[in-house]
Amino acid sequence: MFPGGGAPDMQQLLQQAQQMQADYMKAQQELTEAEVSAAAGGGLVTATVNGAGELKGVKIDPKAVDTDDLESLEDLVVAAVHAANDEAKRLAEQKLGPLTEAMTGFSGGLGLPGM
């Protein structure tokens, strides 16, 4: 299981755990700074969110504005925001998934709480 069959070097394991945690924190920061956009209604409404799912902006094509049918425009805004949030979730899974699995496997294998 361990090289040479001996016990693990606890200092080395601690350093690996700290590096994993630092990598995870860096990835979370990158997500907060990243922005993804998604459109609805064939591009009539576009929503932009950051990687944490916070709404950053909405663009509405003037062709989407019909004062007699604001409900359709409202639905397009909701759909665009949902689609952008789905993109943000995919980005988070892409960036954090491997790190989360590694940290879970690492801490689970050692029986360390809180990782």
Protein backbone atom coordinates (compact mmCIF):
# COMPACT_ATOMS: atom_id res chain seq x y z
CA MET A 1 0.00 0.00 0.00
CA PHE A 2 2.78 2.46 0.88
CA PRO A 3 6.14 2.53 -0.89
CA GLY A 4 8.52 0.14 0.81
CA GLY A 5 5.59 -1.40 2.74
CA GLY A 6 6.15 0.93 5.73
CA ALA A 7 3.88 3.39 7.44
CA PRO A 8 3.02 6.64 5.67
CA ASP A 9 5.16 9.70 6.32
CA MET A 10 2.68 11.85 8.27
CA GLN A 11 4.49 15.09 7.39
CA GLN A 12 4.26 14.24 3.70
CA LEU A 13 0.58 13.31 4.03
CA LEU A 14 -0.12 16.58 5.82
CA GLN A 15 1.64 18.53 3.08
CA GLN A 16 -0.39 16.69 0.42
CA ALA A 17 -3.62 17.46 2.27
CA GLN A 18 -2.69 21.12 2.59
CA GLN A 19 -1.83 21.30 -1.12
CA MET A 20 -5.17 19.72 -2.04
CA GLN A 21 -6.98 22.22 0.16
CA ALA A 22 -5.05 25.12 -1.43
CA ASP A 23 -5.88 23.82 -4.91
CA TYR A 24 -9.54 23.54 -3.96
CA MET A 25 -9.63 27.09 -2.58
CA LYS A 26 -7.93 28.39 -5.73
CA ALA A 27 -10.48 26.61 -7.94
CA GLN A 28 -13.34 28.11 -5.90
CA GLN A 29 -11.84 31.59 -6.34
CA GLU A 30 -11.50 31.01 -10.08
CA LEU A 31 -15.18 30.02 -10.20
CA THR A 32 -16.21 33.21 -8.44
CA GLU A 33 -14.30 35.23 -11.04
CA ALA A 34 -15.42 33.19 -14.08
CA GLU A 35 -18.51 34.20 -16.01
CA VAL A 36 -20.75 32.06 -18.21
CA SER A 37 -23.66 33.12 -20.38
CA ALA A 38 -26.67 31.35 -21.80
CA ALA A 39 -29.46 32.49 -24.09
CA ALA A 40 -33.17 31.79 -24.41
CA GLY A 41 -35.65 32.47 -27.16
CA GLY A 42 -33.11 32.01 -29.91
CA GLY A 43 -30.85 34.64 -28.40
CA LEU A 44 -33.52 37.20 -27.56
CA VAL A 45 -32.49 37.10 -23.89
CA THR A 46 -29.00 36.32 -22.58
CA ALA A 47 -28.12 35.92 -18.90
CA THR A 48 -24.60 36.00 -17.48
CA VAL A 49 -23.72 34.46 -14.13
CA ASN A 50 -20.45 33.85 -12.36
CA GLY A 51 -19.21 30.36 -11.57
CA ALA A 52 -20.93 30.55 -8.17
CA GLY A 53 -24.30 31.14 -9.89
CA GLU A 54 -24.62 34.84 -9.02
CA LEU A 55 -26.48 36.77 -11.71
CA LYS A 56 -24.14 39.37 -13.25
CA GLY A 57 -26.20 40.67 -16.13
CA VAL A 58 -29.11 40.27 -18.52
CA LYS A 59 -29.20 41.39 -22.16
CA ILE A 60 -32.55 41.74 -23.91
CA ASP A 61 -32.88 42.13 -27.65
CA PRO A 62 -35.39 44.93 -28.38
CA LYS A 63 -37.30 42.48 -30.61
CA ALA A 64 -38.22 40.58 -27.44
CA VAL A 65 -40.08 43.55 -25.98
CA ASP A 66 -43.80 43.48 -26.65
CA THR A 67 -45.67 45.61 -24.14
CA ASP A 68 -48.80 43.55 -24.81
CA ASP A 69 -46.97 40.32 -23.88
CA LEU A 70 -44.53 41.02 -21.06
CA GLU A 71 -45.18 37.57 -19.62
CA SER A 72 -43.31 35.94 -22.53
CA LEU A 73 -40.33 38.22 -21.95
CA GLU A 74 -40.37 37.40 -18.24
CA ASP A 75 -40.40 33.69 -19.10
CA LEU A 76 -37.42 34.17 -21.44
CA VAL A 77 -35.46 35.94 -18.69
CA VAL A 78 -36.17 33.12 -16.24
CA ALA A 79 -35.20 30.51 -18.85
CA ALA A 80 -31.94 32.31 -19.67
CA VAL A 81 -31.01 32.61 -15.99
CA HIS A 82 -31.75 28.91 -15.41
CA ALA A 83 -29.65 27.95 -18.44
CA ALA A 84 -26.75 30.15 -17.30
CA ASN A 85 -26.93 28.62 -13.81
CA ASP A 86 -26.81 25.15 -15.38
CA GLU A 87 -23.64 26.21 -17.23
CA ALA A 88 -22.17 27.52 -13.97
CA LYS A 89 -22.90 24.18 -12.29
CA ARG A 90 -21.19 22.30 -15.12
CA LEU A 91 -18.17 24.59 -14.81
CA ALA A 92 -18.06 24.03 -11.04
CA GLU A 93 -18.26 20.26 -11.48
CA GLN A 94 -15.49 20.42 -14.06
CA LYS A 95 -13.19 22.49 -11.83
CA LEU A 96 -14.06 21.14 -8.39
CA GLY A 97 -15.17 17.57 -9.11
CA PRO A 98 -11.72 16.01 -9.41
CA LEU A 99 -10.45 17.97 -6.40
CA THR A 100 -13.45 17.00 -4.29
CA GLU A 101 -13.02 13.34 -5.22
CA ALA A 102 -9.30 13.48 -4.46
CA MET A 103 -9.87 15.16 -1.08
CA THR A 104 -12.64 12.72 -0.19
CA GLY A 105 -10.53 9.75 -1.19
CA PHE A 106 -7.49 11.14 0.58
CA SER A 107 -9.25 11.93 3.86
CA GLY A 108 -11.48 8.85 3.66
CA GLY A 109 -8.47 6.63 3.28
CA LEU A 110 -6.91 8.13 6.39
CA GLY A 111 -10.07 8.42 8.45
CA LEU A 112 -9.46 12.15 8.96
CA PRO A 113 -12.56 14.12 9.97
CA GLY A 114 -13.53 17.39 8.36
CA MET A 115 -11.98 16.92 4.93
